[in-house]
Amino acid sequence: MAKVGGKKELTGKNDIETDISNHCGRLIFNAIVYYNSAILSRLLERLEAEDNTKGIEALALISPVAWQHILLNGHYTFQSSNEIIDLDVLVAGLKLG
């Protein structure tokens, strides 16, 4: 459901469009959880290799389901750059604990 003018409004003009919108939302949610989980798993491996107990304890408080930083309402334009996101490089720049 999207909020329009402070009121909740179903996305889609009919039941089929609403159903498709809901399925798309679930697909996006699952992609976000997978992406967050992949980052957290690599970070855990690094922290264990570094024997970083404080970092491991802090990591245990982070949920892969957390996605407050993502706004799903809006218009998005995606461009293909043919670049693959390197999670290892991304995690190498993270500091925890």
Protein backbone atom coordinates (compact mmCIF):
# COMPACT_ATOMS: atom_id res chain seq x y z
CA MET A 1 0.00 0.00 0.00
CA ALA A 2 1.18 3.49 -0.78
CA LYS A 3 0.32 6.56 1.23
CA VAL A 4 -1.26 9.35 -0.79
CA GLY A 5 -2.21 12.56 0.94
CA GLY A 6 -1.99 10.87 4.36
CA LYS A 7 -4.40 8.11 3.33
CA LYS A 8 -3.50 4.52 2.48
CA GLU A 9 -4.19 3.59 -1.09
CA LEU A 10 -3.79 0.20 -2.77
CA THR A 11 -1.42 0.16 -5.71
CA GLY A 12 -3.18 -1.07 -8.79
CA LYS A 13 -6.47 -0.31 -10.48
CA ASN A 14 -7.89 -3.78 -9.98
CA ASP A 15 -7.27 -6.99 -8.02
CA ILE A 16 -4.79 -8.37 -10.55
CA GLU A 17 -2.67 -5.20 -10.55
CA THR A 18 -2.76 -5.08 -6.75
CA ASP A 19 -1.70 -8.74 -6.59
CA ILE A 20 1.18 -8.09 -9.01
CA SER A 21 2.24 -5.06 -6.96
CA ASN A 22 2.25 -7.16 -3.78
CA HIS A 23 4.32 -9.90 -5.43
CA CYS A 24 6.80 -7.30 -6.68
CA GLY A 25 7.07 -5.86 -3.17
CA ARG A 26 7.83 -9.29 -1.74
CA LEU A 27 10.46 -9.91 -4.43
CA ILE A 28 12.17 -6.60 -3.64
CA PHE A 29 12.00 -7.32 0.09
CA ASN A 30 13.60 -10.75 -0.41
CA ALA A 31 16.36 -9.22 -2.55
CA ILE A 32 17.08 -6.67 0.19
CA VAL A 33 17.25 -9.37 2.88
CA TYR A 34 19.55 -11.50 0.71
CA TYR A 35 21.86 -8.55 -0.03
CA ASN A 36 22.02 -7.56 3.65
CA SER A 37 22.62 -11.21 4.66
CA ALA A 38 25.44 -11.59 2.15
CA ILE A 39 27.15 -8.46 3.49
CA LEU A 40 26.69 -9.52 7.12
CA SER A 41 28.02 -13.04 6.41
CA ARG A 42 31.17 -11.69 4.76
CA LEU A 43 31.62 -9.21 7.59
CA LEU A 44 31.29 -12.00 10.16
CA GLU A 45 33.94 -14.05 8.35
CA ARG A 46 36.31 -11.08 8.39
CA LEU A 47 35.67 -10.32 12.07
CA GLU A 48 36.24 -13.97 13.02
CA ALA A 49 39.51 -14.01 11.05
CA GLU A 50 40.59 -10.85 12.90
CA ASP A 51 39.42 -12.35 16.23
CA ASN A 52 37.42 -9.14 16.75
CA THR A 53 35.16 -10.12 19.65
CA LYS A 54 33.66 -6.63 20.06
CA GLY A 55 32.82 -6.47 16.38
CA ILE A 56 31.22 -9.92 16.45
CA GLU A 57 29.10 -8.92 19.47
CA ALA A 58 28.01 -5.72 17.70
CA LEU A 59 27.23 -7.65 14.53
CA ALA A 60 24.92 -9.97 16.47
CA LEU A 61 22.66 -6.94 17.08
CA ILE A 62 22.22 -6.20 13.36
CA SER A 63 19.30 -7.73 11.47
CA PRO A 64 19.39 -8.50 7.74
CA VAL A 65 15.68 -7.67 7.71
CA ALA A 66 16.39 -4.04 8.67
CA TRP A 67 15.69 -1.85 5.68
CA GLN A 68 14.65 1.48 7.14
CA HIS A 69 17.22 3.16 4.91
CA ILE A 70 15.38 2.05 1.74
CA LEU A 71 12.46 4.01 0.32
CA LEU A 72 10.24 1.79 -1.83
CA ASN A 73 7.77 4.53 -2.77
CA GLY A 74 8.91 6.61 -5.68
CA HIS A 75 10.15 6.50 -9.24
CA TYR A 76 13.46 4.81 -9.96
CA THR A 77 15.60 4.64 -13.08
CA PHE A 78 18.00 1.74 -13.39
CA GLN A 79 20.96 1.76 -15.73
CA SER A 80 23.04 -1.22 -16.67
CA SER A 81 26.73 -0.54 -16.24
CA ASN A 82 27.63 -4.24 -16.55
CA GLU A 83 29.55 -3.90 -13.29
CA ILE A 84 29.15 -6.57 -10.65
CA ILE A 85 29.00 -5.35 -7.07
CA ASP A 86 32.04 -6.73 -5.26
CA LEU A 87 30.78 -7.43 -1.74
CA ASP A 88 34.29 -8.27 -0.52
CA VAL A 89 35.52 -4.80 -1.47
CA LEU A 90 32.43 -3.26 0.11
CA VAL A 91 32.95 -5.20 3.37
CA ALA A 92 36.68 -4.36 3.43
CA GLY A 93 35.70 -0.71 3.94
CA LEU A 94 33.36 -1.44 6.85
CA LYS A 95 34.41 -0.94 10.46
CA LEU A 96 32.50 -2.44 13.35
CA GLY A 97 33.33 -2.41 17.03
